[in-house]
Amino acid sequence: MAKFTMKFMLAFHDDPRSFDDLTPEQMQQIVQRYNDWAGKLAQEGRMVAGEKLTDEPGKVMRRSGNDTTVTDGPFSETKEVFGGFFIIHANSYEDAVAVSQDCPHLEHGGTIELRAVEAS
């Protein structure tokens, strides 16, 4: 098994409305592509974690002094939401980009934000 030096988070952003016109069978095919891709990463020893998030926007917490506010959101001008993530092993940004090239998220108009995880 290969030894990797870094971890990266692949944050998946998309417009959930882009899937509105798909049949249940088409959605199942897309889900299977993600499962197959995750399985490939696991076989290569690259998979750390991954989860699909709900399409609702969640909550945002902010503290000012001793007061914490909790609001719905985040909301932005775009309809794009943070829809899920993978954490993978790679040796560099270039390696992580290469591994992500065949991610099914890119096939459906999604965006992948790639971030290095701070070494602990």
Protein backbone atom coordinates (compact mmCIF):
# COMPACT_ATOMS: atom_id res chain seq x y z
CA MET A 1 0.00 0.00 0.00
CA ALA A 2 1.30 3.44 -0.94
CA LYS A 3 2.33 5.87 1.79
CA PHE A 4 0.73 9.29 1.51
CA THR A 5 2.06 12.44 3.15
CA MET A 6 -1.03 14.66 3.28
CA LYS A 7 -4.80 14.71 3.63
CA PHE A 8 -7.14 16.81 1.52
CA MET A 9 -10.79 17.69 1.86
CA LEU A 10 -12.80 17.73 -1.33
CA ALA A 11 -15.79 19.98 -0.58
CA PHE A 12 -18.58 19.35 -3.08
CA HIS A 13 -20.67 22.35 -4.11
CA ASP A 14 -23.63 22.10 -6.45
CA ASP A 15 -27.05 23.44 -7.30
CA PRO A 16 -29.46 20.74 -6.07
CA ARG A 17 -32.04 21.96 -8.60
CA SER A 18 -29.84 20.54 -11.36
CA PHE A 19 -31.10 17.08 -10.38
CA ASP A 20 -34.82 17.98 -10.36
CA ASP A 21 -35.57 16.53 -13.81
CA LEU A 22 -33.85 13.19 -13.27
CA THR A 23 -35.79 9.97 -12.86
CA PRO A 24 -35.22 7.82 -9.77
CA GLU A 25 -33.29 5.39 -11.99
CA GLN A 26 -31.01 8.16 -13.23
CA MET A 27 -30.42 9.34 -9.65
CA GLN A 28 -29.56 5.79 -8.61
CA GLN A 29 -27.02 5.59 -11.46
CA ILE A 30 -25.39 8.80 -10.22
CA VAL A 31 -25.29 7.52 -6.64
CA GLN A 32 -23.69 4.30 -7.92
CA ARG A 33 -20.99 6.33 -9.75
CA TYR A 34 -20.12 8.07 -6.45
CA ASN A 35 -20.05 4.71 -4.65
CA ASP A 36 -17.81 3.21 -7.34
CA TRP A 37 -15.47 6.20 -7.19
CA ALA A 38 -15.27 5.99 -3.38
CA GLY A 39 -14.59 2.25 -3.66
CA LYS A 40 -11.71 2.93 -6.04
CA LEU A 41 -10.24 5.44 -3.57
CA ALA A 42 -10.59 2.89 -0.75
CA GLN A 43 -8.82 0.21 -2.82
CA GLU A 44 -5.95 2.64 -3.44
CA GLY A 45 -5.70 3.38 0.30
CA ARG A 46 -6.68 7.02 -0.29
CA MET A 47 -10.14 7.15 1.34
CA VAL A 48 -10.33 8.66 4.81
CA ALA A 49 -14.01 9.71 4.98
CA GLY A 50 -16.90 10.96 2.91
CA GLU A 51 -20.51 11.96 3.46
CA LYS A 52 -23.43 13.45 1.52
CA LEU A 53 -25.01 16.39 3.30
CA THR A 54 -28.69 17.27 3.20
CA ASP A 55 -29.77 20.00 0.78
CA GLU A 56 -31.03 22.28 3.54
CA PRO A 57 -28.68 25.17 4.35
CA GLY A 58 -27.90 24.30 7.98
CA LYS A 59 -27.08 26.82 10.69
CA VAL A 60 -24.39 29.44 11.19
CA MET A 61 -23.11 30.28 14.69
CA ARG A 62 -21.28 33.47 15.59
CA ARG A 63 -20.08 34.74 18.94
CA SER A 64 -19.67 38.32 19.99
CA GLY A 65 -18.46 38.65 23.57
CA ASN A 66 -20.61 36.25 25.58
CA ASP A 67 -23.49 36.23 23.10
CA THR A 68 -23.87 33.52 20.49
CA THR A 69 -26.24 34.02 17.59
CA VAL A 70 -27.54 31.13 15.52
CA THR A 71 -29.04 31.86 12.11
CA ASP A 72 -30.25 29.82 9.17
CA GLY A 73 -27.79 29.68 6.38
CA PRO A 74 -25.29 30.33 5.05
CA PHE A 75 -27.15 32.08 2.27
CA SER A 76 -25.42 33.62 -0.69
CA GLU A 77 -26.33 35.15 -4.01
CA THR A 78 -25.77 31.82 -5.71
CA LYS A 79 -28.00 28.77 -5.47
CA GLU A 80 -24.97 26.54 -4.99
CA VAL A 81 -24.82 24.62 -1.70
CA PHE A 82 -22.13 22.66 0.13
CA GLY A 83 -23.50 19.20 -0.58
CA GLY A 84 -20.91 16.77 0.77
CA PHE A 85 -17.26 15.98 1.19
CA PHE A 86 -14.53 13.43 0.91
CA ILE A 87 -11.28 13.42 2.82
CA ILE A 88 -8.54 11.65 0.91
CA HIS A 89 -4.84 10.87 1.21
CA ALA A 90 -2.52 12.39 -1.40
CA ASN A 91 1.07 13.57 -1.61
CA SER A 92 0.46 17.09 -2.96
CA TYR A 93 -2.19 19.35 -4.41
CA GLU A 94 -1.19 18.09 -7.83
CA ASP A 95 -1.73 14.49 -6.72
CA ALA A 96 -5.12 15.36 -5.15
CA VAL A 97 -6.20 17.14 -8.34
CA ALA A 98 -5.17 14.17 -10.45
CA VAL A 99 -7.10 11.77 -8.19
CA SER A 100 -10.18 14.03 -8.38
CA GLN A 101 -10.24 14.33 -12.18
CA ASP A 102 -12.63 11.39 -12.58
CA CYS A 103 -14.89 12.32 -9.65
CA PRO A 104 -18.53 12.03 -10.77
CA HIS A 105 -19.30 15.36 -9.10
CA LEU A 106 -17.62 17.15 -12.00
CA GLU A 107 -19.84 15.31 -14.52
CA HIS A 108 -22.99 17.04 -13.29
CA GLY A 109 -21.92 20.67 -13.14
CA GLY A 110 -20.66 20.52 -9.57
CA THR A 111 -17.65 22.31 -8.16
CA ILE A 112 -14.97 20.70 -5.99
CA GLU A 113 -13.18 22.94 -3.51
CA LEU A 114 -9.88 21.23 -2.64
CA ARG A 115 -8.27 22.09 0.71
CA ALA A 116 -5.24 20.63 2.47
CA VAL A 117 -5.93 19.38 5.99
CA GLU A 118 -3.60 20.84 8.62
CA ALA A 119 -1.12 18.21 9.81
CA SER A 120 -1.53 17.41 13.46
